[in-house]
């Protein structure tokens, strides 16, 4: 699938801090472009669109993928916004990132794509694989794989591992214990606006 490969700081300046997209912080606090500093009052639609774009860029999804996740969240019981965030947080690339094995979600995605990560003892190279409670995620027993993860573990993307995950740095092994709780989602977002955006 096509994914965003353009300048990441440009996106961060427009949408605000996205911990999954990049670790860098922009030097300028206003949006990019000629009219970045004197933006007029935004419409309701623009506010909802911005929240949706935050979700898309942070988790590295295409428009079609995000729409599929929203439809899946609508079918599930409970709050649609919360279920949507839980589905996105349980993706394999995001889980690898939250354990500290990758510096960013695109970095973790590359680890998964290149076959460095195993789930329950089997190599899984699909970043969108949905992790389930009880899954055992580990690094492949190869020098190159362990070397890459060891380097990333020295400078993890986010300082704290969420409560639904556990990770053993000595064995390069982690476990999914449950589903993430709302307060552990690192992204500053109003998920209800995303649901409203797709409800129109």
N, C-alpha and C. Protein backbone atom coordinates (compact mmCIF):
# COMPACT_ATOMS: atom_id res chain seq x y z
N UNK A 1 0.85 -1.19 0.00
CA UNK A 1 0.00 0.00 0.00
C UNK A 1 0.89 1.25 0.00
N UNK A 2 0.38 2.31 -0.62
CA UNK A 2 1.11 3.57 -0.62
C UNK A 2 1.08 4.17 0.77
N UNK A 3 2.18 4.74 1.20
CA UNK A 3 2.18 5.41 2.49
C UNK A 3 2.95 6.72 2.37
N UNK A 4 2.77 7.60 3.34
CA UNK A 4 3.37 8.93 3.28
C UNK A 4 4.88 8.85 3.39
N UNK A 5 5.57 9.42 2.39
CA UNK A 5 7.03 9.41 2.41
C UNK A 5 7.62 10.83 2.34
N UNK A 6 6.76 11.81 2.47
CA UNK A 6 7.19 13.20 2.35
C UNK A 6 7.83 13.73 3.62
N UNK A 7 8.05 15.06 3.67
CA UNK A 7 8.66 15.67 4.86
C UNK A 7 7.77 15.55 6.10
N UNK A 8 8.32 14.94 7.15
CA UNK A 8 7.51 14.66 8.35
C UNK A 8 7.30 15.90 9.22
N UNK A 9 8.32 16.75 9.31
CA UNK A 9 8.18 17.94 10.17
C UNK A 9 7.13 18.90 9.64
N UNK A 10 6.93 18.89 8.34
CA UNK A 10 5.89 19.72 7.73
C UNK A 10 4.52 19.30 8.27
N UNK A 11 4.32 17.98 8.36
CA UNK A 11 3.06 17.44 8.88
C UNK A 11 2.92 17.77 10.37
N UNK A 12 4.02 17.65 11.12
CA UNK A 12 4.00 17.94 12.56
C UNK A 12 3.67 19.41 12.80
N UNK A 13 4.21 20.30 11.97
CA UNK A 13 3.92 21.73 12.13
C UNK A 13 2.45 22.01 11.86
N UNK A 14 1.86 21.28 10.94
CA UNK A 14 0.47 21.52 10.59
C UNK A 14 -0.51 20.93 11.60
N UNK A 15 -0.19 19.70 12.08
CA UNK A 15 -1.15 18.98 12.91
C UNK A 15 -0.83 18.95 14.41
N UNK A 16 0.38 19.33 14.78
CA UNK A 16 0.78 19.23 16.18
C UNK A 16 1.64 17.99 16.40
N UNK A 17 2.00 17.72 17.63
CA UNK A 17 2.93 16.64 17.95
C UNK A 17 2.36 15.26 17.60
N UNK A 18 3.14 14.47 16.83
CA UNK A 18 2.74 13.11 16.47
C UNK A 18 3.87 12.17 16.90
N UNK A 19 3.77 11.57 18.10
CA UNK A 19 4.88 10.77 18.63
C UNK A 19 5.22 9.55 17.79
N UNK A 20 4.25 9.04 17.02
CA UNK A 20 4.52 7.86 16.20
C UNK A 20 5.20 8.17 14.89
N UNK A 21 5.10 9.41 14.41
CA UNK A 21 5.63 9.75 13.09
C UNK A 21 7.10 10.13 13.13
N UNK A 22 7.49 10.98 14.08
CA UNK A 22 8.89 11.42 14.16
C UNK A 22 9.25 11.80 15.59
N UNK A 23 10.56 11.73 15.87
CA UNK A 23 11.02 12.15 17.21
C UNK A 23 11.45 13.60 17.22
N UNK A 24 11.66 14.16 16.02
CA UNK A 24 12.14 15.54 15.92
C UNK A 24 11.02 16.51 16.27
N UNK A 25 11.41 17.70 16.72
CA UNK A 25 10.41 18.74 16.96
C UNK A 25 10.75 19.95 16.07
N UNK A 26 9.71 20.57 15.50
CA UNK A 26 9.96 21.68 14.57
C UNK A 26 10.50 22.92 15.27
N UNK A 27 11.25 23.72 14.53
CA UNK A 27 11.80 24.96 15.10
C UNK A 27 10.74 26.06 15.14
N UNK A 28 9.80 25.99 14.20
CA UNK A 28 8.75 27.02 14.16
C UNK A 28 7.45 26.43 14.68
N UNK A 29 6.72 27.22 15.43
CA UNK A 29 5.50 26.72 16.09
C UNK A 29 4.24 26.93 15.27
N UNK A 30 4.35 27.51 14.07
CA UNK A 30 3.16 27.77 13.26
C UNK A 30 3.17 26.86 12.02
N UNK A 31 1.99 26.67 11.39
CA UNK A 31 1.91 25.77 10.23
C UNK A 31 2.79 26.21 9.06
N UNK A 32 3.18 25.28 8.18
CA UNK A 32 4.05 25.62 7.05
C UNK A 32 3.30 26.39 5.98
N UNK A 33 4.06 26.94 5.03
CA UNK A 33 3.45 27.62 3.89
C UNK A 33 3.38 29.12 4.05
N UNK A 34 3.04 29.77 2.96
CA UNK A 34 3.00 31.23 2.87
C UNK A 34 2.02 31.85 3.88
N UNK A 35 0.90 31.17 4.10
CA UNK A 35 -0.14 31.73 4.98
C UNK A 35 -0.20 31.03 6.33
N UNK A 36 0.86 30.37 6.68
CA UNK A 36 0.89 29.60 7.92
C UNK A 36 0.64 30.43 9.17
N UNK A 37 1.21 31.65 9.22
CA UNK A 37 1.11 32.46 10.43
C UNK A 37 -0.23 33.15 10.60
N UNK A 38 -0.87 33.49 9.48
CA UNK A 38 -2.14 34.22 9.60
C UNK A 38 -3.31 33.39 9.11
N UNK A 39 -3.47 32.19 9.73
CA UNK A 39 -4.60 31.34 9.38
C UNK A 39 -5.87 31.92 9.97
N UNK A 40 -6.91 31.92 9.17
CA UNK A 40 -8.20 32.44 9.62
C UNK A 40 -8.88 31.41 10.51
N UNK A 41 -10.06 31.78 11.01
CA UNK A 41 -10.84 30.88 11.86
C UNK A 41 -11.20 29.63 11.05
N UNK A 42 -11.02 28.47 11.66
CA UNK A 42 -11.28 27.22 10.94
C UNK A 42 -12.73 26.78 11.08
N UNK A 43 -13.25 26.15 10.04
CA UNK A 43 -14.62 25.67 10.06
C UNK A 43 -14.71 24.38 10.88
N UNK A 44 -15.95 23.96 11.16
CA UNK A 44 -16.17 22.70 11.89
C UNK A 44 -15.56 21.54 11.11
N UNK A 45 -15.76 21.57 9.79
CA UNK A 45 -15.24 20.50 8.93
C UNK A 45 -13.72 20.44 9.01
N UNK A 46 -13.08 21.62 8.99
CA UNK A 46 -11.61 21.67 9.03
C UNK A 46 -11.07 21.08 10.33
N UNK A 47 -11.76 21.32 11.44
CA UNK A 47 -11.32 20.80 12.74
C UNK A 47 -11.41 19.28 12.75
N UNK A 48 -12.53 18.74 12.23
CA UNK A 48 -12.70 17.28 12.19
C UNK A 48 -11.69 16.63 11.25
N UNK A 49 -11.47 17.29 10.11
CA UNK A 49 -10.51 16.77 9.13
C UNK A 49 -9.11 16.69 9.74
N UNK A 50 -8.75 17.72 10.50
CA UNK A 50 -7.43 17.77 11.13
C UNK A 50 -7.24 16.61 12.12
N UNK A 51 -8.28 16.32 12.90
CA UNK A 51 -8.22 15.20 13.86
C UNK A 51 -8.05 13.88 13.12
N UNK A 52 -8.78 13.74 12.01
CA UNK A 52 -8.69 12.51 11.21
C UNK A 52 -7.29 12.36 10.62
N UNK A 53 -6.71 13.47 10.15
CA UNK A 53 -5.37 13.43 9.56
C UNK A 53 -4.31 13.09 10.61
N UNK A 54 -4.51 13.57 11.84
CA UNK A 54 -3.59 13.23 12.94
C UNK A 54 -3.52 11.72 13.10
N UNK A 55 -4.69 11.09 13.12
CA UNK A 55 -4.78 9.64 13.29
C UNK A 55 -4.09 8.94 12.13
N UNK A 56 -4.36 9.42 10.92
CA UNK A 56 -3.80 8.79 9.71
C UNK A 56 -2.29 8.85 9.67
N UNK A 57 -1.74 10.04 9.90
CA UNK A 57 -0.29 10.21 9.79
C UNK A 57 0.45 9.56 10.95
N UNK A 58 -0.12 9.62 12.16
CA UNK A 58 0.55 9.03 13.32
C UNK A 58 0.70 7.51 13.15
N UNK A 59 -0.36 6.85 12.70
CA UNK A 59 -0.31 5.39 12.58
C UNK A 59 0.12 4.91 11.20
N UNK A 60 0.37 5.83 10.27
CA UNK A 60 0.87 5.47 8.94
C UNK A 60 -0.13 4.69 8.11
N UNK A 61 -1.37 5.19 8.06
CA UNK A 61 -2.44 4.49 7.33
C UNK A 61 -2.80 5.24 6.06
N UNK A 62 -3.39 4.51 5.11
CA UNK A 62 -3.96 5.18 3.94
C UNK A 62 -5.41 5.52 4.28
N UNK A 63 -6.03 6.31 3.46
CA UNK A 63 -7.43 6.70 3.68
C UNK A 63 -8.33 5.47 3.70
N UNK A 64 -8.09 4.55 2.78
CA UNK A 64 -8.92 3.35 2.67
C UNK A 64 -8.78 2.46 3.92
N UNK A 65 -7.55 2.33 4.40
CA UNK A 65 -7.33 1.51 5.61
C UNK A 65 -8.07 2.11 6.81
N UNK A 66 -7.95 3.44 6.97
CA UNK A 66 -8.60 4.09 8.11
C UNK A 66 -10.11 3.94 8.05
N UNK A 67 -10.68 4.06 6.84
CA UNK A 67 -12.11 3.89 6.65
C UNK A 67 -12.54 2.48 7.05
N UNK A 68 -11.71 1.50 6.71
CA UNK A 68 -11.99 0.10 7.06
C UNK A 68 -11.99 -0.09 8.59
N UNK A 69 -11.03 0.56 9.25
CA UNK A 69 -10.96 0.47 10.72
C UNK A 69 -12.19 1.13 11.36
N UNK A 70 -12.64 2.26 10.79
CA UNK A 70 -13.81 2.96 11.33
C UNK A 70 -15.06 2.08 11.20
N UNK A 71 -15.21 1.42 10.04
CA UNK A 71 -16.37 0.53 9.83
C UNK A 71 -16.33 -0.64 10.81
N UNK A 72 -15.12 -1.17 11.04
CA UNK A 72 -14.95 -2.29 11.97
C UNK A 72 -15.29 -1.85 13.40
N UNK A 73 -14.87 -0.63 13.76
CA UNK A 73 -15.15 -0.09 15.10
C UNK A 73 -16.64 0.15 15.30
N UNK A 74 -17.33 0.55 14.24
CA UNK A 74 -18.78 0.79 14.33
C UNK A 74 -19.53 -0.50 14.63
N UNK A 75 -19.06 -1.61 14.03
CA UNK A 75 -19.72 -2.90 14.22
C UNK A 75 -19.52 -3.46 15.63
N UNK A 76 -18.41 -3.08 16.28
CA UNK A 76 -18.10 -3.60 17.62
C UNK A 76 -18.96 -2.92 18.67
N UNK A 77 -19.10 -3.59 19.82
CA UNK A 77 -19.87 -2.99 20.91
C UNK A 77 -18.99 -1.99 21.66
N UNK A 78 -19.62 -1.00 22.27
CA UNK A 78 -18.87 0.02 23.03
C UNK A 78 -18.71 1.30 22.24
N UNK A 79 -17.95 2.23 22.81
CA UNK A 79 -17.73 3.53 22.18
C UNK A 79 -16.91 3.36 20.90
N UNK A 80 -17.44 3.86 19.77
CA UNK A 80 -16.78 3.69 18.47
C UNK A 80 -15.38 4.30 18.47
N UNK A 81 -15.25 5.50 19.06
CA UNK A 81 -13.95 6.19 19.09
C UNK A 81 -12.91 5.40 19.86
N UNK A 82 -13.29 4.87 21.01
CA UNK A 82 -12.36 4.11 21.84
C UNK A 82 -11.96 2.80 21.17
N UNK A 83 -12.94 2.12 20.57
CA UNK A 83 -12.67 0.85 19.86
C UNK A 83 -11.73 1.11 18.69
N UNK A 84 -11.93 2.23 17.99
CA UNK A 84 -11.06 2.59 16.87
C UNK A 84 -9.61 2.76 17.33
N UNK A 85 -9.41 3.49 18.43
CA UNK A 85 -8.06 3.68 18.97
C UNK A 85 -7.45 2.36 19.42
N UNK A 86 -8.26 1.48 20.01
CA UNK A 86 -7.76 0.18 20.46
C UNK A 86 -7.34 -0.68 19.28
N UNK A 87 -8.12 -0.65 18.19
CA UNK A 87 -7.75 -1.41 16.99
C UNK A 87 -6.42 -0.94 16.42
N UNK A 88 -6.24 0.39 16.39
CA UNK A 88 -5.00 0.95 15.83
C UNK A 88 -3.80 0.67 16.74
N UNK A 89 -4.02 0.73 18.05
CA UNK A 89 -2.94 0.48 19.01
C UNK A 89 -2.52 -0.99 19.01
N UNK A 90 -3.41 -1.90 18.63
CA UNK A 90 -3.10 -3.33 18.64
C UNK A 90 -2.47 -3.81 17.32
N UNK A 91 -2.22 -2.90 16.38
CA UNK A 91 -1.48 -3.29 15.16
C UNK A 91 -0.07 -3.71 15.56
N UNK A 92 0.50 -4.65 14.82
CA UNK A 92 1.82 -5.17 15.17
C UNK A 92 2.90 -4.09 15.12
N UNK A 93 2.89 -3.24 14.06
CA UNK A 93 3.93 -2.20 13.96
C UNK A 93 3.86 -1.25 15.15
N UNK A 94 2.64 -0.90 15.59
CA UNK A 94 2.50 0.00 16.73
C UNK A 94 2.91 -0.68 18.03
N UNK A 95 2.59 -1.96 18.17
CA UNK A 95 2.95 -2.69 19.38
C UNK A 95 4.47 -2.79 19.51
N UNK A 96 5.15 -3.05 18.39
CA UNK A 96 6.62 -3.12 18.37
C UNK A 96 7.20 -1.76 18.77
N UNK A 97 6.60 -0.68 18.26
CA UNK A 97 7.04 0.69 18.61
C UNK A 97 6.83 0.97 20.09
N UNK A 98 5.67 0.59 20.64
CA UNK A 98 5.36 0.88 22.04
C UNK A 98 6.25 0.08 23.00
N UNK A 99 6.76 -1.07 22.53
CA UNK A 99 7.69 -1.85 23.35
C UNK A 99 9.10 -1.27 23.33
N UNK A 100 9.32 -0.31 22.41
CA UNK A 100 10.63 0.35 22.33
C UNK A 100 11.58 -0.29 21.32
N UNK A 101 11.09 -1.28 20.57
CA UNK A 101 11.96 -1.96 19.59
C UNK A 101 12.20 -1.11 18.35
N UNK A 102 11.33 -0.14 18.10
CA UNK A 102 11.49 0.75 16.95
C UNK A 102 11.46 2.20 17.41
N UNK A 103 12.22 3.09 16.75
CA UNK A 103 12.26 4.50 17.17
C UNK A 103 10.96 5.26 16.90
N UNK A 104 10.30 4.90 15.79
CA UNK A 104 9.02 5.50 15.42
C UNK A 104 8.15 4.39 14.84
N UNK A 105 6.89 4.68 14.52
CA UNK A 105 6.04 3.65 13.92
C UNK A 105 6.55 3.25 12.53
N UNK A 106 6.98 4.22 11.67
CA UNK A 106 7.57 3.78 10.38
C UNK A 106 8.82 2.92 10.57
N UNK A 107 9.63 3.22 11.61
CA UNK A 107 10.82 2.42 11.90
C UNK A 107 10.45 1.01 12.34
N UNK A 108 9.41 0.92 13.18
CA UNK A 108 8.93 -0.39 13.65
C UNK A 108 8.32 -1.17 12.49
N UNK A 109 7.63 -0.44 11.62
CA UNK A 109 7.02 -1.06 10.43
C UNK A 109 8.09 -1.72 9.56
N UNK A 110 9.23 -1.04 9.42
CA UNK A 110 10.33 -1.59 8.62
C UNK A 110 10.90 -2.85 9.26
N UNK A 111 11.03 -2.84 10.60
CA UNK A 111 11.50 -4.05 11.31
C UNK A 111 10.59 -5.24 11.02
N UNK A 112 9.27 -4.98 11.06
CA UNK A 112 8.29 -6.04 10.82
C UNK A 112 8.36 -6.50 9.36
N UNK A 113 8.39 -5.54 8.44
CA UNK A 113 8.44 -5.85 7.00
C UNK A 113 9.64 -6.70 6.62
N UNK A 114 10.77 -6.44 7.27
CA UNK A 114 12.01 -7.14 6.92
C UNK A 114 12.17 -8.47 7.66
N UNK A 115 11.12 -8.87 8.38
CA UNK A 115 11.11 -10.19 9.00
C UNK A 115 11.95 -10.33 10.25
N UNK A 116 12.14 -9.23 11.00
CA UNK A 116 12.94 -9.30 12.23
C UNK A 116 12.10 -9.68 13.45
N UNK A 117 10.76 -9.67 13.29
CA UNK A 117 9.87 -9.86 14.45
C UNK A 117 9.07 -11.15 14.31
N UNK A 118 8.93 -11.88 15.43
CA UNK A 118 8.10 -13.09 15.42
C UNK A 118 6.94 -12.91 16.39
N UNK A 119 5.80 -13.52 16.05
CA UNK A 119 4.63 -13.53 16.93
C UNK A 119 4.32 -14.99 17.24
N UNK A 120 4.36 -15.34 18.51
CA UNK A 120 4.16 -16.73 18.97
C UNK A 120 5.09 -17.72 18.26
N UNK A 121 6.34 -17.27 18.03
CA UNK A 121 7.35 -18.16 17.44
C UNK A 121 7.37 -18.20 15.93
N UNK A 122 6.43 -17.52 15.27
CA UNK A 122 6.40 -17.51 13.79
C UNK A 122 6.70 -16.11 13.27
N UNK A 123 7.49 -16.03 12.19
CA UNK A 123 7.82 -14.72 11.60
C UNK A 123 6.56 -14.13 10.98
N UNK A 124 6.24 -12.90 11.38
CA UNK A 124 5.10 -12.18 10.79
C UNK A 124 5.65 -10.91 10.17
N UNK A 125 5.45 -10.75 8.86
CA UNK A 125 5.98 -9.55 8.18
C UNK A 125 4.86 -8.64 7.68
N UNK A 126 3.72 -8.68 8.37
CA UNK A 126 2.58 -7.82 8.00
C UNK A 126 2.39 -6.79 9.11
N UNK A 127 2.70 -5.51 8.85
CA UNK A 127 2.61 -4.47 9.89
C UNK A 127 1.20 -4.29 10.46
N UNK A 128 0.16 -4.58 9.66
CA UNK A 128 -1.21 -4.36 10.13
C UNK A 128 -1.78 -5.56 10.88
N UNK A 129 -0.96 -6.57 11.12
CA UNK A 129 -1.41 -7.76 11.87
C UNK A 129 -1.99 -7.33 13.21
N UNK A 130 -3.19 -7.82 13.55
CA UNK A 130 -3.84 -7.44 14.80
C UNK A 130 -3.36 -8.34 15.94
N UNK A 131 -2.66 -7.75 16.89
CA UNK A 131 -2.19 -8.51 18.06
C UNK A 131 -3.38 -8.78 18.98
N UNK A 132 -3.36 -9.93 19.63
CA UNK A 132 -4.42 -10.29 20.56
C UNK A 132 -3.82 -10.50 21.95
N UNK A 133 -4.61 -10.32 23.00
CA UNK A 133 -4.10 -10.59 24.35
C UNK A 133 -3.56 -12.02 24.44
N UNK A 134 -2.35 -12.14 25.01
CA UNK A 134 -1.71 -13.45 25.12
C UNK A 134 -0.64 -13.68 24.08
N UNK A 135 -0.58 -12.82 23.04
CA UNK A 135 0.45 -12.96 21.99
C UNK A 135 1.84 -12.69 22.55
N UNK A 136 2.80 -13.50 22.13
CA UNK A 136 4.19 -13.35 22.55
C UNK A 136 4.97 -12.77 21.37
N UNK A 137 5.49 -11.56 21.52
CA UNK A 137 6.20 -10.89 20.43
C UNK A 137 7.68 -10.86 20.77
N UNK A 138 8.50 -11.38 19.87
CA UNK A 138 9.94 -11.41 20.15
C UNK A 138 10.74 -11.10 18.89
N UNK A 139 12.03 -10.86 19.11
CA UNK A 139 12.95 -10.56 18.00
C UNK A 139 13.50 -11.88 17.50
N UNK A 140 13.67 -11.98 16.19
CA UNK A 140 14.20 -13.22 15.61
C UNK A 140 15.58 -13.54 16.17
N UNK A 141 15.87 -14.80 16.30
CA UNK A 141 17.13 -15.24 16.91
C UNK A 141 18.28 -15.15 15.91
N UNK A 142 18.53 -13.94 15.42
CA UNK A 142 19.63 -13.70 14.48
C UNK A 142 20.42 -12.51 15.00
N UNK A 143 21.72 -12.50 14.73
CA UNK A 143 22.58 -11.42 15.22
C UNK A 143 22.13 -10.06 14.70
N UNK A 144 21.84 -10.00 13.40
CA UNK A 144 21.48 -8.72 12.77
C UNK A 144 20.20 -8.15 13.39
N UNK A 145 19.19 -9.00 13.56
CA UNK A 145 17.91 -8.56 14.13
C UNK A 145 18.11 -8.03 15.54
N UNK A 146 18.86 -8.78 16.36
CA UNK A 146 19.07 -8.39 17.76
C UNK A 146 19.88 -7.10 17.85
N UNK A 147 20.84 -6.96 16.93
CA UNK A 147 21.69 -5.76 16.91
C UNK A 147 20.85 -4.51 16.64
N UNK A 148 19.95 -4.62 15.65
CA UNK A 148 19.07 -3.49 15.29
C UNK A 148 18.19 -3.08 16.47
N UNK A 149 17.58 -4.07 17.11
CA UNK A 149 16.66 -3.79 18.22
C UNK A 149 17.42 -3.25 19.43
N UNK A 150 18.62 -3.77 19.65
CA UNK A 150 19.44 -3.31 20.78
C UNK A 150 19.76 -1.83 20.64
N UNK A 151 20.09 -1.41 19.41
CA UNK A 151 20.38 0.00 19.13
C UNK A 151 19.15 0.85 19.41
N UNK A 152 17.97 0.38 18.97
CA UNK A 152 16.73 1.13 19.16
C UNK A 152 16.32 1.20 20.63
N UNK A 153 16.61 0.15 21.39
CA UNK A 153 16.22 0.12 22.81
C UNK A 153 16.98 1.14 23.66
N UNK A 154 18.16 1.56 23.17
CA UNK A 154 18.93 2.57 23.91
C UNK A 154 18.23 3.93 23.89
N UNK A 155 17.51 4.20 22.79
CA UNK A 155 16.77 5.47 22.67
C UNK A 155 15.33 5.18 22.25
N UNK A 156 14.48 4.68 23.17
CA UNK A 156 13.10 4.35 22.79
C UNK A 156 12.31 5.59 22.40
N UNK A 157 11.33 5.41 21.50
CA UNK A 157 10.51 6.53 21.04
C UNK A 157 9.71 7.16 22.17
N UNK A 158 9.07 6.32 22.99
CA UNK A 158 8.31 6.81 24.15
C UNK A 158 8.91 6.20 25.41
N UNK A 159 8.96 6.99 26.48
CA UNK A 159 9.66 6.57 27.69
C UNK A 159 9.01 5.38 28.39
N UNK A 160 7.69 5.39 28.49
CA UNK A 160 7.00 4.36 29.28
C UNK A 160 6.30 3.32 28.42
N UNK A 161 6.40 2.07 28.83
CA UNK A 161 5.66 0.99 28.16
C UNK A 161 4.25 0.96 28.74
N UNK A 162 3.21 0.92 27.89
CA UNK A 162 1.83 0.93 28.41
C UNK A 162 1.54 -0.28 29.31
N UNK A 163 0.49 -0.15 30.11
CA UNK A 163 0.17 -1.19 31.11
C UNK A 163 -0.26 -2.51 30.48
N UNK A 164 -0.77 -2.48 29.23
CA UNK A 164 -1.24 -3.73 28.61
C UNK A 164 -0.11 -4.54 27.97
N UNK A 165 1.12 -3.99 28.00
CA UNK A 165 2.27 -4.69 27.41
C UNK A 165 3.33 -4.93 28.48
N UNK A 166 4.14 -5.96 28.28
CA UNK A 166 5.33 -6.14 29.12
C UNK A 166 6.48 -6.54 28.19
N UNK A 167 7.70 -6.11 28.54
CA UNK A 167 8.85 -6.39 27.66
C UNK A 167 10.08 -6.71 28.48
N UNK A 168 10.76 -7.80 28.11
CA UNK A 168 11.99 -8.24 28.78
C UNK A 168 13.17 -7.87 27.87
N UNK A 169 13.95 -6.87 28.30
CA UNK A 169 15.06 -6.38 27.46
C UNK A 169 16.18 -7.40 27.31
N UNK A 170 16.34 -8.31 28.27
CA UNK A 170 17.40 -9.31 28.20
C UNK A 170 17.08 -10.41 27.19
N UNK A 171 15.80 -10.79 27.13
CA UNK A 171 15.40 -11.87 26.21
C UNK A 171 14.89 -11.34 24.87
N UNK A 172 14.75 -9.99 24.76
CA UNK A 172 14.14 -9.37 23.57
C UNK A 172 12.76 -9.97 23.31
N UNK A 173 11.95 -10.01 24.34
CA UNK A 173 10.67 -10.68 24.26
C UNK A 173 9.60 -9.86 24.98
N UNK A 174 8.46 -9.73 24.35
CA UNK A 174 7.37 -8.98 24.97
C UNK A 174 6.08 -9.75 24.90
N UNK A 175 5.11 -9.33 25.73
CA UNK A 175 3.82 -10.02 25.75
C UNK A 175 2.69 -9.01 25.79
N UNK A 176 1.62 -9.32 25.05
CA UNK A 176 0.41 -8.50 25.08
C UNK A 176 -0.50 -9.09 26.14
N UNK A 177 -0.76 -8.32 27.21
CA UNK A 177 -1.57 -8.83 28.32
C UNK A 177 -3.05 -8.51 28.20
N UNK A 178 -3.38 -7.50 27.41
CA UNK A 178 -4.79 -7.11 27.30
C UNK A 178 -4.95 -6.04 26.24
N UNK A 179 -6.03 -5.29 26.35
CA UNK A 179 -6.31 -4.20 25.40
C UNK A 179 -5.93 -2.89 26.08
N UNK A 180 -5.40 -1.95 25.29
CA UNK A 180 -4.92 -0.67 25.85
C UNK A 180 -6.07 0.15 26.45
N UNK A 181 -5.75 0.88 27.52
CA UNK A 181 -6.72 1.80 28.12
C UNK A 181 -6.52 3.19 27.51
N UNK A 182 -7.59 3.99 27.53
CA UNK A 182 -7.58 5.29 26.85
C UNK A 182 -6.44 6.21 27.31
N UNK A 183 -6.15 6.24 28.62
CA UNK A 183 -5.14 7.18 29.11
C UNK A 183 -3.72 6.84 28.65
N UNK A 184 -3.50 5.60 28.15
CA UNK A 184 -2.17 5.20 27.69
C UNK A 184 -1.92 5.53 26.22
N UNK A 185 -2.95 6.01 25.51
CA UNK A 185 -2.76 6.39 24.11
C UNK A 185 -1.93 7.67 24.08
N UNK A 186 -0.77 7.61 23.41
CA UNK A 186 0.18 8.73 23.45
C UNK A 186 -0.26 9.94 22.63
N UNK A 187 -1.08 9.70 21.62
CA UNK A 187 -1.49 10.76 20.71
C UNK A 187 -2.56 11.65 21.34
N UNK A 188 -2.34 12.98 21.28
CA UNK A 188 -3.33 13.93 21.79
C UNK A 188 -4.41 14.11 20.73
N UNK A 189 -5.55 13.45 20.92
CA UNK A 189 -6.58 13.47 19.87
C UNK A 189 -7.98 13.35 20.48
N UNK A 190 -8.95 13.96 19.79
CA UNK A 190 -10.36 13.79 20.18
C UNK A 190 -10.97 12.81 19.18
N UNK A 191 -11.05 11.55 19.56
CA UNK A 191 -11.48 10.49 18.63
C UNK A 191 -12.94 10.63 18.21
N UNK A 192 -13.76 11.34 19.02
CA UNK A 192 -15.17 11.53 18.66
C UNK A 192 -15.31 12.38 17.40
N UNK A 193 -14.39 13.33 17.23
CA UNK A 193 -14.42 14.17 16.03
C UNK A 193 -14.11 13.35 14.77
N UNK A 194 -13.27 12.33 14.92
CA UNK A 194 -12.94 11.45 13.79
C UNK A 194 -14.17 10.65 13.40
N UNK A 195 -14.88 10.13 14.41
CA UNK A 195 -16.12 9.37 14.15
C UNK A 195 -17.16 10.27 13.50
N UNK A 196 -17.26 11.52 13.98
CA UNK A 196 -18.20 12.48 13.39
C UNK A 196 -17.83 12.79 11.94
N UNK A 197 -16.53 12.88 11.66
CA UNK A 197 -16.07 13.16 10.30
C UNK A 197 -16.58 12.09 9.33
N UNK A 198 -16.50 10.82 9.77
CA UNK A 198 -16.93 9.72 8.90
C UNK A 198 -18.45 9.51 8.92
N UNK A 199 -19.13 10.13 9.88
CA UNK A 199 -20.59 9.96 9.98
C UNK A 199 -21.35 10.90 9.05
N UNK A 200 -20.64 11.89 8.47
CA UNK A 200 -21.39 12.87 7.67
C UNK A 200 -21.86 12.28 6.36
